Amino acid sequence: MAYYQYGRNILRQVVQDASGKRLDSWLHPLFFTGQGVRFRKLEVILTTNIDKLGKAGETVKVAPGFFRNYLMPKLLAVPNIDKFAYLVEEQRKIYQPIEEEEVKVVKESKEDMMKEYLAAAKRLDNGTVVLRRYFKVDNELREPVTKGEIISEVARQLSVQVDSENLHMPNPLSSLGEHEIPLRLPKSIPMPQGKIMWTLKVKVRRK
């Protein structure tokens, strides 16, 4: 009872001194003890990013009422104790997004592109595309081989993409045997010595 009365007397004296503008009286230790209990902060671990407060997994200090009334009911933060710290750390390991490696695209030079074009032209000229067809009589095909079929087979068998204007093929192939189709490739592609034109060999076999 004596301590309670002593505390009341100190607070009464503080108020009186404040009204008399004696600011030095506010430095009494008991006054700061009471203020510390009222405004002390809690250390909590954030479970998600919160603007102006911190990122998920960080330890921050907040007011007890803010944690009790807002953060805890919505599971936005947990008390900073070993149990919750371990759980938050394990959760971050599981759900932490994997950083994607930045892929830098290096532009090919004209020399590199010309080497690729030359390699593709040699593959077409040295390779043979084989197709199978039913025939009637005298090696005549029941269904002719069109330019579109040859383009698709060149991509599948020789792994080279060509356009329809690259093949000089006025009419579809209508007979069995080997055929040489002239290729219309850019003049910038150097042709091997002794060769007049690029050609593609197409062999139509019996099915």
C-alpha atoms as a PDB file:
ATOM      1  CA  MET A   1       0.000   0.000   0.000  1.00  0.00           C
ATOM      2  CA  ALA A   2       2.881   2.294   0.778  1.00  0.00           C
ATOM      3  CA  TYR A   3       4.428   1.728  -2.660  1.00  0.00           C
ATOM      4  CA  TYR A   4       1.111   2.446  -4.357  1.00  0.00           C
ATOM      5  CA  GLN A   5       0.762   5.716  -2.452  1.00  0.00           C
ATOM      6  CA  TYR A   6       4.370   6.614  -3.235  1.00  0.00           C
ATOM      7  CA  GLY A   7       3.716   6.095  -6.950  1.00  0.00           C
ATOM      8  CA  ARG A   8       0.615   8.273  -6.865  1.00  0.00           C
ATOM      9  CA  ASN A   9       2.521  11.056  -5.160  1.00  0.00           C
ATOM     10  CA  ILE A  10       5.262  10.960  -7.824  1.00  0.00           C
ATOM     11  CA  LEU A  11       2.762  11.135 -10.670  1.00  0.00           C
ATOM     12  CA  ARG A  12       0.925  14.009  -8.964  1.00  0.00           C
ATOM     13  CA  GLN A  13       4.213  15.861  -8.536  1.00  0.00           C
ATOM     14  CA  VAL A  14       5.087  15.248 -12.215  1.00  0.00           C
ATOM     15  CA  VAL A  15       1.794  16.741 -13.367  1.00  0.00           C
ATOM     16  CA  GLN A  16       2.202  19.764 -11.111  1.00  0.00           C
ATOM     17  CA  ASP A  17       5.744  20.375 -12.258  1.00  0.00           C
ATOM     18  CA  ALA A  18       4.713  20.044 -15.894  1.00  0.00           C
ATOM     19  CA  SER A  19       2.051  22.700 -15.447  1.00  0.00           C
ATOM     20  CA  GLY A  20       4.715  24.898 -13.839  1.00  0.00           C
ATOM     21  CA  LYS A  21       7.040  24.249 -16.830  1.00  0.00           C
ATOM     22  CA  ARG A  22       9.626  22.454 -14.731  1.00  0.00           C
ATOM     23  CA  LEU A  23      10.677  20.080 -17.466  1.00  0.00           C
ATOM     24  CA  ASP A  24      13.531  18.597 -15.481  1.00  0.00           C
ATOM     25  CA  SER A  25      11.021  16.709 -13.358  1.00  0.00           C
ATOM     26  CA  TRP A  26      10.121  14.549 -16.354  1.00  0.00           C
ATOM     27  CA  LEU A  27      13.439  12.818 -15.943  1.00  0.00           C
ATOM     28  CA  HIS A  28      12.275  10.796 -12.946  1.00  0.00           C
ATOM     29  CA  PRO A  29      13.174   7.067 -13.379  1.00  0.00           C
ATOM     30  CA  LEU A  30       9.706   5.834 -12.404  1.00  0.00           C
ATOM     31  CA  PHE A  31       8.132   7.821 -15.210  1.00  0.00           C
ATOM     32  CA  PHE A  32      10.367   6.210 -17.852  1.00  0.00           C
ATOM     33  CA  THR A  33       9.725   2.771 -16.378  1.00  0.00           C
ATOM     34  CA  GLY A  34       6.018   3.178 -16.951  1.00  0.00           C
ATOM     35  CA  GLN A  35       6.551   4.506 -20.454  1.00  0.00           C
ATOM     36  CA  GLY A  36       8.760   1.499 -21.315  1.00  0.00           C
ATOM     37  CA  VAL A  37       6.030  -0.944 -20.354  1.00  0.00           C
ATOM     38  CA  ARG A  38       3.500   0.913 -22.435  1.00  0.00           C
ATOM     39  CA  PHE A  39       5.534   1.389 -25.607  1.00  0.00           C
ATOM     40  CA  ARG A  40       7.848  -1.642 -25.692  1.00  0.00           C
ATOM     41  CA  LYS A  41       8.216  -3.442 -29.032  1.00  0.00           C
ATOM     42  CA  LEU A  42       7.891  -7.097 -29.910  1.00  0.00           C
ATOM     43  CA  GLU A  43      10.274  -8.956 -32.192  1.00  0.00           C
ATOM     44  CA  VAL A  44       8.325 -10.921 -34.804  1.00  0.00           C
ATOM     45  CA  ILE A  45       9.186 -12.857 -37.981  1.00  0.00           C
ATOM     46  CA  LEU A  46       7.301 -11.799 -41.105  1.00  0.00           C
ATOM     47  CA  THR A  47       5.770 -14.604 -43.144  1.00  0.00           C
ATOM     48  CA  THR A  48       5.079 -12.390 -46.181  1.00  0.00           C
ATOM     49  CA  ASN A  49       6.270  -9.106 -47.668  1.00  0.00           C
ATOM     50  CA  ILE A  50       4.644  -6.062 -46.054  1.00  0.00           C
ATOM     51  CA  ASP A  51       5.139  -2.553 -47.402  1.00  0.00           C
ATOM     52  CA  LYS A  52       7.119  -0.184 -45.166  1.00  0.00           C
ATOM     53  CA  LEU A  53       7.773  -3.003 -42.700  1.00  0.00           C
ATOM     54  CA  GLY A  54       9.935  -5.696 -44.259  1.00  0.00           C
ATOM     55  CA  LYS A  55      10.225  -8.785 -46.419  1.00  0.00           C
ATOM     56  CA  ALA A  56       9.231 -12.362 -45.689  1.00  0.00           C
ATOM     57  CA  GLY A  57      11.620 -14.057 -43.261  1.00  0.00           C
ATOM     58  CA  GLU A  58      12.953 -10.832 -41.756  1.00  0.00           C
ATOM     59  CA  THR A  59      12.818 -10.104 -38.024  1.00  0.00           C
ATOM     60  CA  VAL A  60      11.252  -6.726 -37.191  1.00  0.00           C
ATOM     61  CA  LYS A  61       9.988  -4.934 -34.099  1.00  0.00           C
ATOM     62  CA  VAL A  62       6.304  -3.952 -33.905  1.00  0.00           C
ATOM     63  CA  ALA A  63       3.877  -2.730 -31.290  1.00  0.00           C
ATOM     64  CA  PRO A  64       2.143  -5.502 -29.284  1.00  0.00           C
ATOM     65  CA  GLY A  65      -1.314  -4.275 -30.280  1.00  0.00           C
ATOM     66  CA  PHE A  66      -0.414  -4.176 -33.977  1.00  0.00           C
ATOM     67  CA  PHE A  67       0.828  -7.748 -33.803  1.00  0.00           C
ATOM     68  CA  ARG A  68      -2.095  -8.995 -31.727  1.00  0.00           C
ATOM     69  CA  ASN A  69      -4.882  -7.275 -33.692  1.00  0.00           C
ATOM     70  CA  TYR A  70      -3.561  -7.306 -37.269  1.00  0.00           C
ATOM     71  CA  LEU A  71      -0.475  -9.418 -37.976  1.00  0.00           C
ATOM     72  CA  MET A  72      -1.236 -12.530 -35.935  1.00  0.00           C
ATOM     73  CA  PRO A  73      -4.921 -13.064 -36.962  1.00  0.00           C
ATOM     74  CA  LYS A  74      -3.940 -12.884 -40.652  1.00  0.00           C
ATOM     75  CA  LEU A  75      -0.813 -15.039 -40.120  1.00  0.00           C
ATOM     76  CA  LEU A  76       1.357 -12.257 -41.527  1.00  0.00           C
ATOM     77  CA  ALA A  77       3.907 -12.685 -38.721  1.00  0.00           C
ATOM     78  CA  VAL A  78       4.825 -15.094 -35.920  1.00  0.00           C
ATOM     79  CA  PRO A  79       6.661 -14.550 -32.626  1.00  0.00           C
ATOM     80  CA  ASN A  80      10.445 -14.573 -32.831  1.00  0.00           C
ATOM     81  CA  ILE A  81      11.114 -17.865 -31.070  1.00  0.00           C
ATOM     82  CA  ASP A  82      13.243 -20.806 -32.146  1.00  0.00           C
ATOM     83  CA  LYS A  83      10.265 -22.980 -33.132  1.00  0.00           C
ATOM     84  CA  PHE A  84       8.726 -20.466 -35.530  1.00  0.00           C
ATOM     85  CA  ALA A  85      12.129 -19.338 -36.839  1.00  0.00           C
ATOM     86  CA  TYR A  86      12.920 -22.933 -37.873  1.00  0.00           C
ATOM     87  CA  LEU A  87       9.530 -23.369 -39.570  1.00  0.00           C
ATOM     88  CA  VAL A  88       9.838 -20.111 -41.502  1.00  0.00           C
ATOM     89  CA  GLU A  89      13.356 -21.002 -42.654  1.00  0.00           C
ATOM     90  CA  GLU A  90      12.262 -24.436 -43.879  1.00  0.00           C
ATOM     91  CA  GLN A  91       9.285 -22.904 -45.686  1.00  0.00           C
ATOM     92  CA  ARG A  92      11.541 -20.423 -47.459  1.00  0.00           C
ATOM     93  CA  LYS A  93      13.787 -23.272 -48.662  1.00  0.00           C
ATOM     94  CA  ILE A  94      10.780 -25.105 -50.141  1.00  0.00           C
ATOM     95  CA  TYR A  95       8.897 -22.214 -51.728  1.00  0.00           C
ATOM     96  CA  GLN A  96      11.735 -19.859 -52.567  1.00  0.00           C
ATOM     97  CA  PRO A  97      11.525 -19.157 -56.316  1.00  0.00           C
ATOM     98  CA  ILE A  98      14.445 -20.345 -58.404  1.00  0.00           C
ATOM     99  CA  GLU A  99      16.249 -17.469 -60.027  1.00  0.00           C
ATOM    100  CA  GLU A 100      16.268 -17.821 -63.780  1.00  0.00           C
ATOM    101  CA  GLU A 101      19.609 -17.425 -65.436  1.00  0.00           C
ATOM    102  CA  GLU A 102      19.770 -14.545 -67.840  1.00  0.00           C
ATOM    103  CA  VAL A 103      20.424 -15.785 -71.359  1.00  0.00           C
ATOM    104  CA  LYS A 104      22.382 -13.375 -73.486  1.00  0.00           C
ATOM    105  CA  VAL A 105      21.642 -13.569 -77.187  1.00  0.00           C
ATOM    106  CA  VAL A 106      24.781 -13.145 -79.243  1.00  0.00           C
ATOM    107  CA  LYS A 107      24.145 -11.876 -82.737  1.00  0.00           C
ATOM    108  CA  GLU A 108      25.765 -13.910 -85.456  1.00  0.00           C
ATOM    109  CA  SER A 109      28.174 -12.184 -87.758  1.00  0.00           C
ATOM    110  CA  LYS A 110      27.838 -12.325 -91.537  1.00  0.00           C
ATOM    111  CA  GLU A 111      30.738 -14.763 -91.714  1.00  0.00           C
ATOM    112  CA  ASP A 112      29.042 -17.161 -89.298  1.00  0.00           C
ATOM    113  CA  MET A 113      25.767 -16.968 -91.212  1.00  0.00           C
ATOM    114  CA  MET A 114      27.553 -17.596 -94.498  1.00  0.00           C
ATOM    115  CA  LYS A 115      29.227 -20.692 -93.018  1.00  0.00           C
ATOM    116  CA  GLU A 116      25.833 -22.026 -91.951  1.00  0.00           C
ATOM    117  CA  TYR A 117      24.330 -21.385 -95.402  1.00  0.00           C
ATOM    118  CA  LEU A 118      27.270 -23.114 -97.076  1.00  0.00           C
ATOM    119  CA  ALA A 119      27.006 -26.133 -94.758  1.00  0.00           C
ATOM    120  CA  ALA A 120      23.253 -26.401 -95.487  1.00  0.00           C
ATOM    121  CA  ALA A 121      23.847 -26.145 -99.248  1.00  0.00           C
ATOM    122  CA  LYS A 122      26.460 -28.931 -99.151  1.00  0.00           C
ATOM    123  CA  ARG A 123      24.109 -31.107 -97.107  1.00  0.00           C
ATOM    124  CA  LEU A 124      21.386 -30.667 -99.705  1.00  0.00           C
ATOM    125  CA  ASP A 125      23.738 -31.290-102.608  1.00  0.00           C
ATOM    126  CA  ASN A 126      25.336 -34.410-101.106  1.00  0.00           C
ATOM    127  CA  GLY A 127      22.239 -35.887 -99.506  1.00  0.00           C
ATOM    128  CA  THR A 128      19.417 -37.976-100.954  1.00  0.00           C
ATOM    129  CA  VAL A 129      15.764 -37.746-100.019  1.00  0.00           C
ATOM    130  CA  VAL A 130      13.977 -41.108-100.262  1.00  0.00           C
ATOM    131  CA  LEU A 131      10.209 -41.448-100.729  1.00  0.00           C
ATOM    132  CA  ARG A 132       8.042 -44.540-101.233  1.00  0.00           C
ATOM    133  CA  ARG A 133       5.043 -44.703-103.546  1.00  0.00           C
ATOM    134  CA  TYR A 134       2.591 -47.192-105.058  1.00  0.00           C
ATOM    135  CA  PHE A 135       2.864 -47.477-108.854  1.00  0.00           C
ATOM    136  CA  LYS A 136       0.680 -48.620-111.711  1.00  0.00           C
ATOM    137  CA  VAL A 137       2.531 -49.825-114.806  1.00  0.00           C
ATOM    138  CA  ASP A 138       5.740 -48.707-116.477  1.00  0.00           C
ATOM    139  CA  ASN A 139       6.933 -47.268-113.151  1.00  0.00           C
ATOM    140  CA  GLU A 140       4.151 -44.678-113.235  1.00  0.00           C
ATOM    141  CA  LEU A 141       3.115 -43.501-109.754  1.00  0.00           C
ATOM    142  CA  ARG A 142      -0.480 -43.678-108.592  1.00  0.00           C
ATOM    143  CA  GLU A 143      -0.018 -40.363-106.782  1.00  0.00           C
ATOM    144  CA  PRO A 144       2.704 -37.894-107.896  1.00  0.00           C
ATOM    145  CA  VAL A 145       5.229 -36.447-105.468  1.00  0.00           C
ATOM    146  CA  THR A 146       4.554 -32.767-104.907  1.00  0.00           C
ATOM    147  CA  LYS A 147       6.940 -29.978-103.991  1.00  0.00           C
ATOM    148  CA  GLY A 148       5.386 -29.650-100.532  1.00  0.00           C
ATOM    149  CA  GLU A 149       6.105 -33.306 -99.750  1.00  0.00           C
ATOM    150  CA  ILE A 150       9.732 -32.926-100.791  1.00  0.00           C
ATOM    151  CA  ILE A 151      10.152 -29.810 -98.618  1.00  0.00           C
ATOM    152  CA  SER A 152       8.770 -31.633 -95.567  1.00  0.00           C
ATOM    153  CA  GLU A 153      10.973 -34.693 -96.229  1.00  0.00           C
ATOM    154  CA  VAL A 154      14.066 -32.512 -96.648  1.00  0.00           C
ATOM    155  CA  ALA A 155      13.395 -31.030 -93.205  1.00  0.00           C
ATOM    156  CA  ARG A 156      12.823 -34.478 -91.681  1.00  0.00           C
ATOM    157  CA  GLN A 157      15.621 -36.430 -93.347  1.00  0.00           C
ATOM    158  CA  LEU A 158      18.323 -33.793 -93.890  1.00  0.00           C
ATOM    159  CA  SER A 159      17.381 -31.325 -91.119  1.00  0.00           C
ATOM    160  CA  VAL A 160      17.424 -28.372 -93.531  1.00  0.00           C
ATOM    161  CA  GLN A 161      14.635 -25.861 -93.949  1.00  0.00           C
ATOM    162  CA  VAL A 162      13.994 -24.811 -97.562  1.00  0.00           C
ATOM    163  CA  ASP A 163      11.300 -22.689 -99.177  1.00  0.00           C
ATOM    164  CA  SER A 164       9.251 -23.564-102.220  1.00  0.00           C
ATOM    165  CA  GLU A 165      11.115 -20.988-104.319  1.00  0.00           C
ATOM    166  CA  ASN A 166      14.397 -22.774-103.543  1.00  0.00           C
ATOM    167  CA  LEU A 167      13.260 -25.811-105.571  1.00  0.00           C
ATOM    168  CA  HIS A 168      13.037 -25.496-109.335  1.00  0.00           C
ATOM    169  CA  MET A 169      10.292 -28.060-109.868  1.00  0.00           C
ATOM    170  CA  PRO A 170       7.682 -27.012-112.452  1.00  0.00           C
ATOM    171  CA  ASN A 171       5.797 -30.338-112.271  1.00  0.00           C
ATOM    172  CA  PRO A 172       5.366 -33.052-109.611  1.00  0.00           C
ATOM    173  CA  LEU A 173       7.407 -36.251-109.876  1.00  0.00           C
ATOM    174  CA  SER A 174       5.325 -38.981-111.514  1.00  0.00           C
ATOM    175  CA  SER A 175       7.729 -41.925-111.934  1.00  0.00           C
ATOM    176  CA  LEU A 176       9.950 -44.179-109.870  1.00  0.00           C
ATOM    177  CA  GLY A 177      13.719 -43.790-109.845  1.00  0.00           C
ATOM    178  CA  GLU A 178      16.214 -41.065-109.018  1.00  0.00           C
ATOM    179  CA  HIS A 179      15.577 -37.435-109.850  1.00  0.00           C
ATOM    180  CA  GLU A 180      17.810 -34.376-109.602  1.00  0.00           C
ATOM    181  CA  ILE A 181      15.995 -31.169-108.732  1.00  0.00           C
ATOM    182  CA  PRO A 182      17.873 -27.902-109.338  1.00  0.00           C
ATOM    183  CA  LEU A 183      18.182 -25.659-106.277  1.00  0.00           C
ATOM    184  CA  ARG A 184      17.820 -21.899-106.406  1.00  0.00           C
ATOM    185  CA  LEU A 185      20.105 -20.701-103.637  1.00  0.00           C
ATOM    186  CA  PRO A 186      21.501 -17.186-103.071  1.00  0.00           C
ATOM    187  CA  LYS A 187      24.401 -16.313-105.351  1.00  0.00           C
ATOM    188  CA  SER A 188      26.380 -15.164-102.325  1.00  0.00           C
ATOM    189  CA  ILE A 189      26.864 -18.816-101.320  1.00  0.00           C
ATOM    190  CA  PRO A 190      30.181 -19.884-102.900  1.00  0.00           C
ATOM    191  CA  MET A 191      29.858 -22.900-105.159  1.00  0.00           C
ATOM    192  CA  PRO A 192      32.512 -25.643-105.119  1.00  0.00           C
ATOM    193  CA  GLN A 193      35.036 -25.581-107.951  1.00  0.00           C
ATOM    194  CA  GLY A 194      33.845 -27.346-111.085  1.00  0.00           C
ATOM    195  CA  LYS A 195      30.181 -27.316-110.062  1.00  0.00           C
ATOM    196  CA  ILE A 196      27.603 -25.501-112.188  1.00  0.00           C
ATOM    197  CA  MET A 197      24.557 -25.560-109.918  1.00  0.00           C
ATOM    198  CA  TRP A 198      23.295 -26.913-106.616  1.00  0.00           C
ATOM    199  CA  THR A 199      21.000 -29.930-106.934  1.00  0.00           C
ATOM    200  CA  LEU A 200      18.907 -32.122-104.681  1.00  0.00           C
ATOM    201  CA  LYS A 201      18.685 -35.867-105.282  1.00  0.00           C
ATOM    202  CA  VAL A 202      15.243 -37.382-104.756  1.00  0.00           C
ATOM    203  CA  LYS A 203      14.793 -41.160-104.956  1.00  0.00           C
ATOM    204  CA  VAL A 204      11.274 -42.520-105.352  1.00  0.00           C
ATOM    205  CA  ARG A 205      11.039 -46.222-104.452  1.00  0.00           C
ATOM    206  CA  ARG A 206       8.306 -48.795-104.524  1.00  0.00           C
ATOM    207  CA  LYS A 207       6.122 -49.035-101.500  1.00  0.00           C
END
